[in-house]
Amino acid sequence: MMRRFDLASVDAAAALMREGRVLAYPTEAVFGLGCDPHDRDAFEALFALKGRPATQGVLLIAASFEQIAPYIDMARVPTEVLAQVEASWPGPNTWIFPRSAAVPDWVAGAHAGIALRVTAHEPAAALCRAFGAPLVSTSANPHGEAPARDVATLERYFGDRLDGALDAPLGGLDRPTIIRDALSGAIIRA
C-alpha cells in the first residue's frame, strides 16, 4: 500500500528514499517521482513504474546550489554563465550543465549533460533538505499519460506499486519548468 506523508512527516518521506524506495512529491506544476539518484535499483524501479526507456535520462532537483554543485563540471562553465544561472535560483528554472563524474550514467541516460534545478517550491525543497542531497525528478505518470496533479491520480496510475507520496500542494505553475542549456541559453523545453 502506498504510504502517505505530509509536511510534518517529511523526514519519514526522505527516509523512505534512503531505503531505496520511490516517492511521489509535489513540484512547481505537477507531481514528480523521486528517488536517490545513486541507487540504481531504486532508479530502475522508478522507470519501471513509468514504463519509460531509461535512455531518456532525468533531472535532479535540489534545495540549494551547494547540493547540486558536485554534479556540474565547473571547469567547463564560464563564471558569467554560472552567475546567470545562480541568479535564476531558487526558482522554476531547469538548466542543463556539462556533467561531472559524480553523475551516475543511468541518471543522464543518453545525454552528455545533466539537467538541474534548485527549487523555490517549499515542499520539494523541504524534501531535498530532509534527504540531504538532490533527488531524481521526473513527472509522475505512466509514459504517454498526463502528469499527476493530485494524490488521487497517483493512486489511480500506480496503486500500491508506488512506495509513497508526499501529499502537499503543487507550486501553482500551469506547466512543468522551462529547461535551458546553461552554456548556449537555448531553450530545450518551453
N, C-alpha and C. Protein backbone atom coordinates (compact mmCIF):
# COMPACT_ATOMS: atom_id res chain seq x y z
N MET A 1 0.83 -1.19 0.00
CA MET A 1 0.00 0.00 0.00
C MET A 1 0.88 1.25 0.00
N MET A 2 0.49 2.24 -0.80
CA MET A 2 1.25 3.48 -0.89
C MET A 2 1.15 4.24 0.44
N ARG A 3 2.30 4.58 1.01
CA ARG A 3 2.31 5.37 2.25
C ARG A 3 2.14 6.84 1.90
N ARG A 4 1.34 7.53 2.70
CA ARG A 4 1.13 8.97 2.51
C ARG A 4 1.84 9.73 3.62
N PHE A 5 2.55 10.78 3.21
CA PHE A 5 3.26 11.64 4.14
C PHE A 5 2.74 13.06 3.96
N ASP A 6 2.83 13.86 5.02
CA ASP A 6 2.54 15.28 4.90
C ASP A 6 3.80 16.04 5.27
N LEU A 7 3.72 17.37 5.28
CA LEU A 7 4.93 18.14 5.54
C LEU A 7 5.46 17.93 6.96
N ALA A 8 4.60 17.54 7.89
CA ALA A 8 5.06 17.26 9.25
C ALA A 8 5.87 15.96 9.31
N SER A 9 5.71 15.10 8.30
CA SER A 9 6.44 13.82 8.29
C SER A 9 7.42 13.74 7.11
N VAL A 10 7.95 14.90 6.70
CA VAL A 10 8.87 14.93 5.56
C VAL A 10 10.14 14.14 5.85
N ASP A 11 10.59 14.08 7.09
CA ASP A 11 11.78 13.30 7.41
C ASP A 11 11.53 11.81 7.15
N ALA A 12 10.34 11.33 7.46
CA ALA A 12 9.99 9.93 7.19
C ALA A 12 9.91 9.67 5.68
N ALA A 13 9.43 10.65 4.92
CA ALA A 13 9.38 10.52 3.45
C ALA A 13 10.80 10.41 2.89
N ALA A 14 11.71 11.24 3.41
CA ALA A 14 13.11 11.19 2.96
C ALA A 14 13.75 9.86 3.35
N ALA A 15 13.42 9.36 4.54
CA ALA A 15 13.96 8.07 4.99
C ALA A 15 13.51 6.94 4.06
N LEU A 16 12.30 7.03 3.55
CA LEU A 16 11.79 6.03 2.62
C LEU A 16 12.70 5.95 1.39
N MET A 17 13.12 7.11 0.89
CA MET A 17 14.01 7.12 -0.28
C MET A 17 15.40 6.62 0.07
N ARG A 18 15.87 6.90 1.27
CA ARG A 18 17.17 6.37 1.69
C ARG A 18 17.14 4.85 1.78
N GLU A 19 15.95 4.27 1.94
CA GLU A 19 15.77 2.81 1.97
C GLU A 19 15.65 2.22 0.56
N GLY A 20 15.83 3.05 -0.47
CA GLY A 20 15.78 2.55 -1.84
C GLY A 20 14.40 2.52 -2.45
N ARG A 21 13.51 3.33 -1.92
CA ARG A 21 12.13 3.36 -2.40
C ARG A 21 11.89 4.56 -3.32
N VAL A 22 10.74 4.53 -4.01
CA VAL A 22 10.33 5.60 -4.91
C VAL A 22 9.20 6.39 -4.25
N LEU A 23 9.32 7.71 -4.28
CA LEU A 23 8.35 8.60 -3.65
C LEU A 23 7.84 9.60 -4.68
N ALA A 24 6.54 9.84 -4.67
CA ALA A 24 5.96 10.94 -5.47
C ALA A 24 5.91 12.17 -4.57
N TYR A 25 6.17 13.33 -5.16
CA TYR A 25 6.16 14.57 -4.38
C TYR A 25 5.76 15.74 -5.28
N PRO A 26 5.19 16.78 -4.68
CA PRO A 26 4.74 17.92 -5.48
C PRO A 26 5.91 18.79 -5.92
N THR A 27 5.83 19.26 -7.16
CA THR A 27 6.81 20.22 -7.67
C THR A 27 6.05 21.49 -8.04
N GLU A 28 6.67 22.32 -8.83
CA GLU A 28 6.08 23.60 -9.18
C GLU A 28 4.76 23.47 -9.94
N ALA A 29 4.61 22.41 -10.77
CA ALA A 29 3.42 22.29 -11.61
C ALA A 29 2.73 20.93 -11.52
N VAL A 30 3.50 19.88 -11.30
CA VAL A 30 2.95 18.52 -11.30
C VAL A 30 3.63 17.71 -10.20
N PHE A 31 3.10 16.54 -9.93
CA PHE A 31 3.81 15.64 -9.02
C PHE A 31 4.97 15.01 -9.78
N GLY A 32 6.08 14.84 -9.07
CA GLY A 32 7.24 14.17 -9.62
C GLY A 32 7.45 12.85 -8.93
N LEU A 33 8.16 11.96 -9.60
CA LEU A 33 8.62 10.73 -8.99
C LEU A 33 10.08 10.93 -8.64
N GLY A 34 10.45 10.54 -7.43
CA GLY A 34 11.82 10.75 -6.99
C GLY A 34 12.40 9.55 -6.29
N CYS A 35 13.72 9.52 -6.29
CA CYS A 35 14.48 8.50 -5.58
C CYS A 35 15.90 9.01 -5.44
N ASP A 36 16.71 8.24 -4.75
CA ASP A 36 18.13 8.55 -4.62
C ASP A 36 18.79 8.33 -5.97
N PRO A 37 19.39 9.38 -6.56
CA PRO A 37 20.00 9.21 -7.88
C PRO A 37 21.16 8.22 -7.92
N HIS A 38 21.74 7.91 -6.75
CA HIS A 38 22.87 7.00 -6.71
C HIS A 38 22.47 5.55 -6.44
N ASP A 39 21.18 5.31 -6.29
CA ASP A 39 20.66 3.96 -6.03
C ASP A 39 20.07 3.41 -7.32
N ARG A 40 20.86 2.62 -8.02
CA ARG A 40 20.43 2.14 -9.34
C ARG A 40 19.17 1.28 -9.26
N ASP A 41 19.03 0.46 -8.23
CA ASP A 41 17.82 -0.35 -8.11
C ASP A 41 16.58 0.52 -7.95
N ALA A 42 16.67 1.57 -7.13
CA ALA A 42 15.54 2.49 -6.96
C ALA A 42 15.24 3.20 -8.27
N PHE A 43 16.30 3.60 -8.97
CA PHE A 43 16.13 4.28 -10.25
C PHE A 43 15.42 3.36 -11.25
N GLU A 44 15.82 2.12 -11.31
CA GLU A 44 15.19 1.18 -12.23
C GLU A 44 13.73 0.92 -11.84
N ALA A 45 13.45 0.90 -10.54
CA ALA A 45 12.06 0.74 -10.08
C ALA A 45 11.22 1.94 -10.52
N LEU A 46 11.79 3.14 -10.45
CA LEU A 46 11.10 4.34 -10.88
C LEU A 46 10.76 4.25 -12.37
N PHE A 47 11.73 3.85 -13.18
CA PHE A 47 11.49 3.76 -14.62
C PHE A 47 10.51 2.64 -14.96
N ALA A 48 10.50 1.58 -14.17
CA ALA A 48 9.51 0.51 -14.37
C ALA A 48 8.10 1.05 -14.09
N LEU A 49 7.95 1.88 -13.07
CA LEU A 49 6.65 2.49 -12.79
C LEU A 49 6.18 3.33 -13.97
N LYS A 50 7.09 4.11 -14.52
CA LYS A 50 6.74 4.98 -15.65
C LYS A 50 6.57 4.23 -16.96
N GLY A 51 7.24 3.08 -17.09
CA GLY A 51 7.23 2.38 -18.36
C GLY A 51 7.96 3.18 -19.43
N ARG A 52 9.02 3.85 -19.01
CA ARG A 52 9.76 4.76 -19.89
C ARG A 52 11.17 4.23 -20.14
N PRO A 53 11.69 4.41 -21.35
CA PRO A 53 13.06 3.96 -21.61
C PRO A 53 14.07 4.74 -20.76
N ALA A 54 14.97 4.03 -20.12
CA ALA A 54 15.96 4.66 -19.23
C ALA A 54 16.95 5.54 -19.98
N THR A 55 17.05 5.40 -21.29
CA THR A 55 17.99 6.23 -22.06
C THR A 55 17.57 7.69 -22.09
N GLN A 56 16.33 8.00 -21.69
CA GLN A 56 15.87 9.38 -21.75
C GLN A 56 16.47 10.26 -20.67
N GLY A 57 16.92 9.68 -19.58
CA GLY A 57 17.52 10.47 -18.52
C GLY A 57 16.48 11.26 -17.74
N VAL A 58 16.91 11.84 -16.64
CA VAL A 58 16.04 12.62 -15.76
C VAL A 58 16.80 13.83 -15.25
N LEU A 59 16.06 14.73 -14.60
CA LEU A 59 16.74 15.85 -13.98
C LEU A 59 16.87 15.60 -12.49
N LEU A 60 17.72 16.39 -11.87
CA LEU A 60 17.88 16.35 -10.41
C LEU A 60 17.37 17.66 -9.85
N ILE A 61 16.65 17.57 -8.75
CA ILE A 61 16.10 18.74 -8.07
C ILE A 61 16.79 18.85 -6.71
N ALA A 62 17.02 20.09 -6.28
CA ALA A 62 17.75 20.31 -5.03
C ALA A 62 17.18 21.51 -4.28
N ALA A 63 17.59 21.63 -3.03
CA ALA A 63 17.16 22.75 -2.19
C ALA A 63 18.15 23.91 -2.21
N SER A 64 19.37 23.65 -2.68
CA SER A 64 20.40 24.69 -2.69
C SER A 64 21.41 24.41 -3.79
N PHE A 65 22.14 25.46 -4.16
CA PHE A 65 23.20 25.29 -5.16
C PHE A 65 24.27 24.35 -4.62
N GLU A 66 24.54 24.41 -3.33
CA GLU A 66 25.56 23.56 -2.74
C GLU A 66 25.24 22.07 -2.94
N GLN A 67 23.95 21.73 -2.94
CA GLN A 67 23.57 20.33 -3.14
C GLN A 67 23.88 19.84 -4.56
N ILE A 68 23.77 20.72 -5.55
CA ILE A 68 23.97 20.26 -6.93
C ILE A 68 25.34 20.57 -7.51
N ALA A 69 26.10 21.45 -6.88
CA ALA A 69 27.41 21.83 -7.41
C ALA A 69 28.30 20.64 -7.74
N PRO A 70 28.33 19.57 -6.92
CA PRO A 70 29.21 18.44 -7.24
C PRO A 70 28.85 17.72 -8.55
N TYR A 71 27.67 17.96 -9.09
CA TYR A 71 27.23 17.28 -10.31
C TYR A 71 27.60 18.06 -11.58
N ILE A 72 28.14 19.26 -11.40
CA ILE A 72 28.50 20.13 -12.53
C ILE A 72 29.99 20.07 -12.79
N ASP A 73 30.38 19.93 -14.06
CA ASP A 73 31.79 20.03 -14.45
C ASP A 73 32.12 21.52 -14.50
N MET A 74 32.50 22.08 -13.35
CA MET A 74 32.70 23.53 -13.21
C MET A 74 33.78 24.07 -14.14
N ALA A 75 34.74 23.24 -14.49
CA ALA A 75 35.82 23.69 -15.38
C ALA A 75 35.30 24.08 -16.76
N ARG A 76 34.13 23.56 -17.13
CA ARG A 76 33.56 23.84 -18.45
C ARG A 76 32.49 24.92 -18.44
N VAL A 77 32.25 25.53 -17.28
CA VAL A 77 31.19 26.53 -17.16
C VAL A 77 31.79 27.90 -16.88
N PRO A 78 31.66 28.84 -17.83
CA PRO A 78 32.19 30.19 -17.61
C PRO A 78 31.54 30.85 -16.39
N THR A 79 32.32 31.68 -15.71
CA THR A 79 31.86 32.35 -14.49
C THR A 79 30.58 33.13 -14.72
N GLU A 80 30.48 33.83 -15.85
CA GLU A 80 29.29 34.65 -16.12
C GLU A 80 28.05 33.78 -16.35
N VAL A 81 28.23 32.60 -16.92
CA VAL A 81 27.11 31.67 -17.10
C VAL A 81 26.63 31.18 -15.73
N LEU A 82 27.57 30.82 -14.90
CA LEU A 82 27.22 30.35 -13.56
C LEU A 82 26.49 31.45 -12.77
N ALA A 83 26.93 32.69 -12.91
CA ALA A 83 26.28 33.81 -12.22
C ALA A 83 24.84 33.99 -12.72
N GLN A 84 24.63 33.86 -14.02
CA GLN A 84 23.28 33.99 -14.59
C GLN A 84 22.36 32.90 -14.06
N VAL A 85 22.86 31.68 -14.04
CA VAL A 85 22.06 30.55 -13.55
C VAL A 85 21.75 30.73 -12.07
N GLU A 86 22.77 31.06 -11.29
CA GLU A 86 22.55 31.23 -9.85
C GLU A 86 21.55 32.33 -9.56
N ALA A 87 21.50 33.37 -10.40
CA ALA A 87 20.54 34.46 -10.21
C ALA A 87 19.10 33.98 -10.45
N SER A 88 18.93 32.89 -11.21
CA SER A 88 17.59 32.38 -11.51
C SER A 88 17.11 31.36 -10.47
N TRP A 89 17.97 31.03 -9.51
CA TRP A 89 17.66 30.04 -8.49
C TRP A 89 17.67 30.67 -7.11
N PRO A 90 16.91 30.14 -6.16
CA PRO A 90 15.91 29.10 -6.38
C PRO A 90 14.75 29.65 -7.23
N GLY A 91 14.23 28.78 -8.05
CA GLY A 91 13.13 29.18 -8.92
C GLY A 91 12.77 28.10 -9.90
N PRO A 92 11.76 28.35 -10.74
CA PRO A 92 11.25 27.34 -11.66
C PRO A 92 12.05 27.27 -12.96
N ASN A 93 13.36 27.19 -12.83
CA ASN A 93 14.26 27.16 -13.99
C ASN A 93 15.16 25.94 -13.91
N THR A 94 15.09 25.11 -14.94
CA THR A 94 15.95 23.93 -15.03
C THR A 94 17.01 24.22 -16.08
N TRP A 95 18.25 23.94 -15.72
CA TRP A 95 19.39 24.21 -16.61
C TRP A 95 20.16 22.92 -16.86
N ILE A 96 20.61 22.76 -18.10
CA ILE A 96 21.44 21.61 -18.45
C ILE A 96 22.90 22.05 -18.43
N PHE A 97 23.69 21.33 -17.65
CA PHE A 97 25.11 21.62 -17.48
C PHE A 97 25.95 20.47 -18.01
N PRO A 98 27.23 20.76 -18.33
CA PRO A 98 28.16 19.65 -18.53
C PRO A 98 28.24 18.89 -17.20
N ARG A 99 28.16 17.58 -17.26
CA ARG A 99 28.10 16.82 -16.02
C ARG A 99 29.47 16.39 -15.54
N SER A 100 29.58 16.30 -14.22
CA SER A 100 30.81 15.83 -13.61
C SER A 100 30.76 14.31 -13.49
N ALA A 101 31.86 13.74 -13.03
CA ALA A 101 31.93 12.29 -12.83
C ALA A 101 31.01 11.83 -11.70
N ALA A 102 30.47 12.76 -10.89
CA ALA A 102 29.57 12.39 -9.80
C ALA A 102 28.19 11.97 -10.29
N VAL A 103 27.86 12.29 -11.55
CA VAL A 103 26.54 11.95 -12.09
C VAL A 103 26.54 10.50 -12.56
N PRO A 104 25.70 9.65 -11.96
CA PRO A 104 25.62 8.27 -12.45
C PRO A 104 25.15 8.24 -13.90
N ASP A 105 25.74 7.36 -14.69
CA ASP A 105 25.37 7.28 -16.11
C ASP A 105 23.88 7.05 -16.30
N TRP A 106 23.26 6.24 -15.42
CA TRP A 106 21.84 5.94 -15.61
C TRP A 106 20.97 7.18 -15.40
N VAL A 107 21.43 8.15 -14.62
CA VAL A 107 20.65 9.38 -14.41
C VAL A 107 20.64 10.22 -15.68
N ALA A 108 21.78 10.33 -16.35
CA ALA A 108 21.89 11.15 -17.55
C ALA A 108 21.32 10.45 -18.78
N GLY A 109 21.20 9.14 -18.74
CA GLY A 109 20.70 8.43 -19.92
C GLY A 109 21.67 8.57 -21.07
N ALA A 110 21.14 8.88 -22.23
CA ALA A 110 21.97 9.02 -23.43
C ALA A 110 22.50 10.44 -23.61
N HIS A 111 22.32 11.30 -22.60
CA HIS A 111 22.69 12.71 -22.72
C HIS A 111 24.09 12.98 -22.17
N ALA A 112 24.76 13.94 -22.80
CA ALA A 112 26.11 14.33 -22.35
C ALA A 112 26.05 15.22 -21.12
N GLY A 113 24.94 15.94 -20.94
CA GLY A 113 24.81 16.86 -19.82
C GLY A 113 23.89 16.33 -18.74
N ILE A 114 23.66 17.18 -17.73
CA ILE A 114 22.74 16.83 -16.64
C ILE A 114 21.83 18.04 -16.40
N ALA A 115 20.54 17.77 -16.32
CA ALA A 115 19.56 18.82 -16.06
C ALA A 115 19.39 18.97 -14.54
N LEU A 116 19.49 20.22 -14.07
CA LEU A 116 19.47 20.51 -12.63
C LEU A 116 18.54 21.68 -12.33
N ARG A 117 17.89 21.61 -11.15
CA ARG A 117 17.06 22.73 -10.70
C ARG A 117 17.18 22.88 -9.19
N VAL A 118 17.36 24.13 -8.76
CA VAL A 118 17.26 24.47 -7.35
C VAL A 118 15.86 25.07 -7.19
N THR A 119 15.00 24.31 -6.55
CA THR A 119 13.59 24.69 -6.49
C THR A 119 13.29 25.72 -5.41
N ALA A 120 12.33 26.57 -5.70
CA ALA A 120 11.81 27.51 -4.70
C ALA A 120 10.50 26.98 -4.12
N HIS A 121 10.03 25.83 -4.64
CA HIS A 121 8.77 25.26 -4.14
C HIS A 121 9.06 24.58 -2.80
N GLU A 122 8.51 25.13 -1.73
CA GLU A 122 8.91 24.72 -0.38
C GLU A 122 8.72 23.24 -0.07
N PRO A 123 7.60 22.58 -0.46
CA PRO A 123 7.51 21.15 -0.14
C PRO A 123 8.64 20.33 -0.79
N ALA A 124 8.96 20.61 -2.04
CA ALA A 124 10.05 19.88 -2.71
C ALA A 124 11.40 20.23 -2.09
N ALA A 125 11.60 21.50 -1.78
CA ALA A 125 12.86 21.92 -1.15
C ALA A 125 13.01 21.28 0.23
N ALA A 126 11.91 21.23 0.99
CA ALA A 126 11.96 20.60 2.32
C ALA A 126 12.33 19.13 2.21
N LEU A 127 11.83 18.46 1.18
CA LEU A 127 12.15 17.05 0.97
C LEU A 127 13.64 16.89 0.65
N CYS A 128 14.18 17.76 -0.20
CA CYS A 128 15.60 17.70 -0.54
C CYS A 128 16.47 17.99 0.69
N ARG A 129 16.05 18.94 1.52
CA ARG A 129 16.81 19.23 2.74
C ARG A 129 16.77 18.02 3.67
N ALA A 130 15.60 17.42 3.82
CA ALA A 130 15.47 16.24 4.70
C ALA A 130 16.29 15.07 4.17
N PHE A 131 16.34 14.92 2.85
CA PHE A 131 17.11 13.84 2.24
C PHE A 131 18.61 14.13 2.33
N GLY A 132 18.95 15.42 2.29
CA GLY A 132 20.35 15.84 2.42
C GLY A 132 21.11 15.85 1.11
N ALA A 133 20.40 15.76 0.00
CA ALA A 133 21.04 15.69 -1.32
C ALA A 133 19.98 15.90 -2.39
N PRO A 134 20.41 16.07 -3.65
CA PRO A 134 19.44 16.18 -4.73
C PRO A 134 18.66 14.87 -4.92
N LEU A 135 17.50 15.01 -5.53
CA LEU A 135 16.64 13.87 -5.84
C LEU A 135 16.39 13.77 -7.32
N VAL A 136 16.16 12.56 -7.78
CA VAL A 136 15.65 12.39 -9.14
C VAL A 136 14.29 13.07 -9.20
N SER A 137 14.01 13.74 -10.31
CA SER A 137 12.71 14.36 -10.52
C SER A 137 12.28 14.11 -11.95
N THR A 138 11.20 13.36 -12.09
CA THR A 138 10.59 13.12 -13.39
C THR A 138 9.09 13.08 -13.16
N SER A 139 8.33 13.50 -14.13
CA SER A 139 6.88 13.61 -13.93
C SER A 139 6.27 12.28 -13.49
N ALA A 140 5.30 12.37 -12.59
CA ALA A 140 4.65 11.19 -12.03
C ALA A 140 3.49 10.78 -12.93
N ASN A 141 3.80 9.93 -13.87
CA ASN A 141 2.80 9.42 -14.81
C ASN A 141 3.37 8.23 -15.55
N PRO A 142 2.49 7.30 -15.95
CA PRO A 142 2.94 6.27 -16.88
C PRO A 142 3.30 6.96 -18.21
N HIS A 143 4.31 6.47 -18.87
CA HIS A 143 4.76 7.06 -20.13
C HIS A 143 3.57 7.24 -21.08
N GLY A 144 3.41 8.47 -21.58
CA GLY A 144 2.33 8.77 -22.51
C GLY A 144 1.07 9.31 -21.87
N GLU A 145 0.97 9.28 -20.53
CA GLU A 145 -0.20 9.82 -19.83
C GLU A 145 0.13 11.22 -19.31
N ALA A 146 -0.90 11.98 -18.96
CA ALA A 146 -0.70 13.32 -18.38
C ALA A 146 -0.10 13.19 -16.99
N PRO A 147 0.81 14.09 -16.63
CA PRO A 147 1.39 14.04 -15.29
C PRO A 147 0.33 14.21 -14.20
N ALA A 148 0.50 13.50 -13.09
CA ALA A 148 -0.43 13.60 -11.96
C ALA A 148 -0.33 14.98 -11.33
N ARG A 149 -1.49 15.54 -10.99
CA ARG A 149 -1.53 16.82 -10.31
C ARG A 149 -2.16 16.70 -8.92
N ASP A 150 -2.47 15.45 -8.50
CA ASP A 150 -3.02 15.22 -7.17
C ASP A 150 -2.77 13.76 -6.77
N VAL A 151 -2.95 13.48 -5.48
CA VAL A 151 -2.66 12.15 -4.95
C VAL A 151 -3.66 11.12 -5.49
N ALA A 152 -4.90 11.53 -5.72
CA ALA A 152 -5.89 10.59 -6.26
C ALA A 152 -5.44 10.06 -7.62
N THR A 153 -4.86 10.91 -8.44
CA THR A 153 -4.37 10.47 -9.76
C THR A 153 -3.16 9.55 -9.58
N LEU A 154 -2.29 9.86 -8.62
CA LEU A 154 -1.16 8.97 -8.33
C LEU A 154 -1.66 7.57 -7.99
N GLU A 155 -2.68 7.51 -7.14
CA GLU A 155 -3.24 6.21 -6.73
C GLU A 155 -3.84 5.48 -7.93
N ARG A 156 -4.52 6.22 -8.79
CA ARG A 156 -5.11 5.59 -9.99
C ARG A 156 -4.02 5.06 -10.92
N TYR A 157 -2.98 5.85 -11.12
CA TYR A 157 -1.89 5.45 -12.03
C TYR A 157 -1.08 4.27 -11.48
N PHE A 158 -0.71 4.35 -10.20
CA PHE A 158 0.29 3.43 -9.69
C PHE A 158 -0.19 2.48 -8.59
N GLY A 159 -1.29 2.82 -7.92
CA GLY A 159 -1.78 1.97 -6.84
C GLY A 159 -0.70 1.69 -5.82
N ASP A 160 -0.64 0.45 -5.35
CA ASP A 160 0.35 0.12 -4.32
C ASP A 160 1.73 -0.19 -4.89
N ARG A 161 1.92 -0.02 -6.19
CA ARG A 161 3.27 -0.18 -6.76
C ARG A 161 4.17 1.01 -6.40
N LEU A 162 3.55 2.15 -6.08
CA LEU A 162 4.30 3.33 -5.64
C LEU A 162 4.49 3.24 -4.14
N ASP A 163 5.73 3.43 -3.68
CA ASP A 163 6.04 3.25 -2.27
C ASP A 163 5.43 4.32 -1.38
N GLY A 164 5.37 5.57 -1.85
CA GLY A 164 4.85 6.63 -1.01
C GLY A 164 4.62 7.90 -1.79
N ALA A 165 3.92 8.84 -1.13
CA ALA A 165 3.65 10.15 -1.72
C ALA A 165 3.68 11.21 -0.63
N LEU A 166 4.32 12.32 -0.92
CA LEU A 166 4.28 13.49 -0.05
C LEU A 166 3.06 14.29 -0.50
N ASP A 167 2.02 14.27 0.32
CA ASP A 167 0.75 14.92 -0.01
C ASP A 167 0.82 16.37 0.46
N ALA A 168 1.19 17.25 -0.47
CA ALA A 168 1.32 18.68 -0.21
C ALA A 168 0.96 19.41 -1.50
N PRO A 169 0.70 20.70 -1.43
CA PRO A 169 0.25 21.44 -2.62
C PRO A 169 1.33 21.56 -3.70
N LEU A 170 0.84 21.66 -4.93
CA LEU A 170 1.71 22.00 -6.06
C LEU A 170 2.08 23.47 -5.97
N GLY A 171 3.03 23.87 -6.81
CA GLY A 171 3.53 25.24 -6.75
C GLY A 171 2.77 26.28 -7.54
N GLY A 172 1.74 25.90 -8.27
CA GLY A 172 0.91 26.89 -8.94
C GLY A 172 1.24 27.15 -10.40
N LEU A 173 2.29 26.54 -10.95
CA LEU A 173 2.56 26.72 -12.37
C LEU A 173 1.60 25.86 -13.20
N ASP A 174 1.29 26.34 -14.41
CA ASP A 174 0.39 25.60 -15.30
C ASP A 174 1.08 24.45 -16.01
N ARG A 175 2.40 24.56 -16.16
CA ARG A 175 3.16 23.55 -16.91
C ARG A 175 4.52 23.36 -16.28
N PRO A 176 5.16 22.22 -16.56
CA PRO A 176 6.50 21.97 -15.99
C PRO A 176 7.48 23.08 -16.34
N THR A 177 8.54 23.17 -15.56
CA THR A 177 9.51 24.26 -15.70
C THR A 177 10.20 24.26 -17.05
N ILE A 178 10.61 25.44 -17.45
CA ILE A 178 11.39 25.60 -18.68
C ILE A 178 12.76 24.94 -18.47
N ILE A 179 13.28 24.33 -19.54
CA ILE A 179 14.62 23.74 -19.49
C ILE A 179 15.47 24.44 -20.53
N ARG A 180 16.64 24.94 -20.08
CA ARG A 180 17.57 25.63 -20.98
C ARG A 180 18.95 25.00 -20.88
N ASP A 181 19.69 25.11 -21.95
CA ASP A 181 21.11 24.74 -21.94
C ASP A 181 21.87 25.87 -21.28
N ALA A 182 22.60 25.58 -20.22
CA ALA A 182 23.30 26.64 -19.48
C ALA A 182 24.37 27.33 -20.32
N LEU A 183 25.06 26.58 -21.18
CA LEU A 183 26.16 27.16 -21.94
C LEU A 183 25.69 27.99 -23.11
N SER A 184 24.65 27.54 -23.82
CA SER A 184 24.19 28.27 -25.01
C SER A 184 22.97 29.14 -24.74
N GLY A 185 22.24 28.85 -23.67
CA GLY A 185 21.00 29.56 -23.40
C GLY A 185 19.81 29.03 -24.20
N ALA A 186 20.06 28.06 -25.07
CA ALA A 186 18.99 27.51 -25.92
C ALA A 186 17.90 26.87 -25.07
N ILE A 187 16.65 27.11 -25.46
CA ILE A 187 15.51 26.52 -24.75
C ILE A 187 15.30 25.10 -25.28
N ILE A 188 15.34 24.14 -24.36
CA ILE A 188 15.14 22.72 -24.70
C ILE A 188 13.67 22.34 -24.54
N ARG A 189 13.04 22.87 -23.47
CA ARG A 189 11.61 22.66 -23.24
C ARG A 189 11.03 23.97 -22.77
N ALA A 190 10.03 24.46 -23.51
CA ALA A 190 9.41 25.76 -23.15
C ALA A 190 8.29 25.55 -22.15
